[in-house]
Protein backbone atom coordinates (compact mmCIF):
# COMPACT_ATOMS: atom_id res chain seq x y z
CA UNK A 1 -3.07 56.97 45.26
CA UNK A 2 -3.69 54.72 48.07
CA UNK A 3 -1.08 52.82 49.48
CA UNK A 4 -0.13 50.50 52.50
CA UNK A 5 2.11 51.86 55.34
CA UNK A 6 4.42 49.46 58.01
CA UNK A 7 4.56 51.05 61.35
CA UNK A 8 8.06 50.45 61.87
CA UNK A 9 7.84 47.62 64.22
CA UNK A 10 5.47 45.49 61.78
CA UNK A 11 8.37 46.62 58.74
CA UNK A 12 11.03 44.99 61.36
CA UNK A 13 8.78 41.93 61.97
CA UNK A 14 8.68 41.77 58.14
CA UNK A 15 11.94 42.04 57.57
CA UNK A 16 13.56 39.65 60.04
CA UNK A 17 11.46 36.89 58.47
CA UNK A 18 12.09 37.97 55.10
CA UNK A 19 15.55 36.95 57.00
CA UNK A 20 15.27 33.92 58.28
CA UNK A 21 13.03 32.05 55.14
CA UNK A 22 15.70 33.32 53.27
CA UNK A 23 18.36 31.25 55.91
CA UNK A 24 15.77 28.45 55.88
CA UNK A 25 15.96 28.30 51.72
CA UNK A 26 17.73 31.15 48.81
CA UNK A 27 15.33 33.20 47.91
CA UNK A 28 12.87 31.81 49.76
CA UNK A 29 12.28 35.51 51.86
CA UNK A 30 11.50 37.09 48.21
CA UNK A 31 8.07 34.49 48.11
CA UNK A 32 7.29 35.68 51.64
CA UNK A 33 8.07 39.10 50.18
CA UNK A 34 5.55 38.27 47.69
CA UNK A 35 2.76 36.98 49.64
CA UNK A 36 3.22 40.35 52.32
CA UNK A 37 2.85 42.17 48.85
CA UNK A 38 -0.14 40.42 47.08
CA UNK A 39 -2.04 40.61 51.59
CA UNK A 40 -1.19 44.18 51.29
CA UNK A 41 -2.90 45.04 48.00
CA UNK A 42 -5.28 43.06 48.46
CA UNK A 43 -6.23 44.70 51.85
CA UNK A 44 -5.87 47.92 49.64
CA UNK A 45 -8.65 47.36 47.43
CA UNK A 46 -10.71 45.81 49.45
CA UNK A 47 -10.46 47.28 53.24
CA UNK A 48 -13.38 46.42 54.64
CA UNK A 49 -12.80 42.69 53.39
CA UNK A 50 -10.42 41.78 56.13
CA UNK A 51 -12.01 39.98 59.28
CA UNK A 52 -12.67 42.51 61.87
CA UNK A 53 -9.93 42.06 64.56
CA UNK A 54 -9.49 44.00 67.94
CA UNK A 55 -8.68 47.64 68.20
CA UNK A 56 -10.92 48.91 65.07
CA UNK A 57 -8.57 46.54 62.96
CA UNK A 58 -9.00 44.21 59.99
CA UNK A 59 -6.89 40.97 59.04
CA UNK A 60 -5.80 38.92 56.01
CA UNK A 61 -3.73 35.98 55.88
CA UNK A 62 -1.12 35.50 53.81
CA UNK A 63 -1.24 33.05 51.04
CA UNK A 64 1.69 30.01 51.61
CA UNK A 65 2.57 31.35 55.24
CA UNK A 66 1.39 31.09 58.55
CA UNK A 67 1.24 34.71 58.91
CA UNK A 68 -1.75 37.23 59.42
CA UNK A 69 -1.07 41.30 58.21
CA UNK A 70 -3.21 43.15 60.94
CA UNK A 71 -4.38 46.51 59.80
CA UNK A 72 -6.58 49.34 59.79
CA UNK A 73 -8.42 51.72 56.89
CA UNK A 74 -7.18 55.02 56.77
CA UNK A 75 -8.55 57.56 54.02
CA UNK A 76 -5.15 57.19 51.76
CA UNK A 77 -4.90 53.83 52.34
CA UNK A 78 -4.26 51.30 55.23
CA UNK A 79 -1.67 51.14 58.51
CA UNK A 80 -0.16 47.51 58.90
CA UNK A 81 0.34 47.21 62.45
CA UNK A 82 1.87 43.71 62.63
CA UNK A 83 3.11 41.14 60.31
CA UNK A 84 2.18 38.15 62.97
CA UNK A 85 3.51 34.66 62.82
CA UNK A 86 -0.02 32.85 63.40
CA UNK A 87 2.63 30.95 66.47
CA UNK A 88 2.93 34.15 68.08
CA UNK A 89 0.65 34.80 71.30
CA UNK A 90 -2.07 36.43 69.81
CA UNK A 91 -2.71 40.30 70.78
CA UNK A 92 0.92 40.78 71.52
CA UNK A 93 0.61 43.87 68.98
CA UNK A 94 -2.39 45.77 70.38
CA UNK A 95 -0.34 48.21 71.85
CA UNK A 96 0.69 49.24 68.56
CA UNK A 97 -2.30 50.90 67.61
CA UNK A 98 -2.38 53.53 70.29
CA UNK A 99 0.96 54.47 69.62
CA UNK A 100 1.59 57.45 67.19
CA UNK A 101 2.95 55.87 64.22
């Protein structure tokens, strides 16, 4: 069974964004979580459809939120390296692709 696996830093970004959106408006974090899940499902279903990015990764944008998932297709699914807000410094996460995950 194919699965999307978040590295620790990406999971931390994901959870921080959920907390932020829940503070802005209660329940909005659930909407963000659903958007991340939907993007991960798209990456799993069509791993090479995401736009090519740096470090042999691909990217898919979240619907309704200013975030992008950066991932790499693997044999058993995809590895997600970042849940990146569009306002963050581009490429801040690329060192994560070199680490063992």
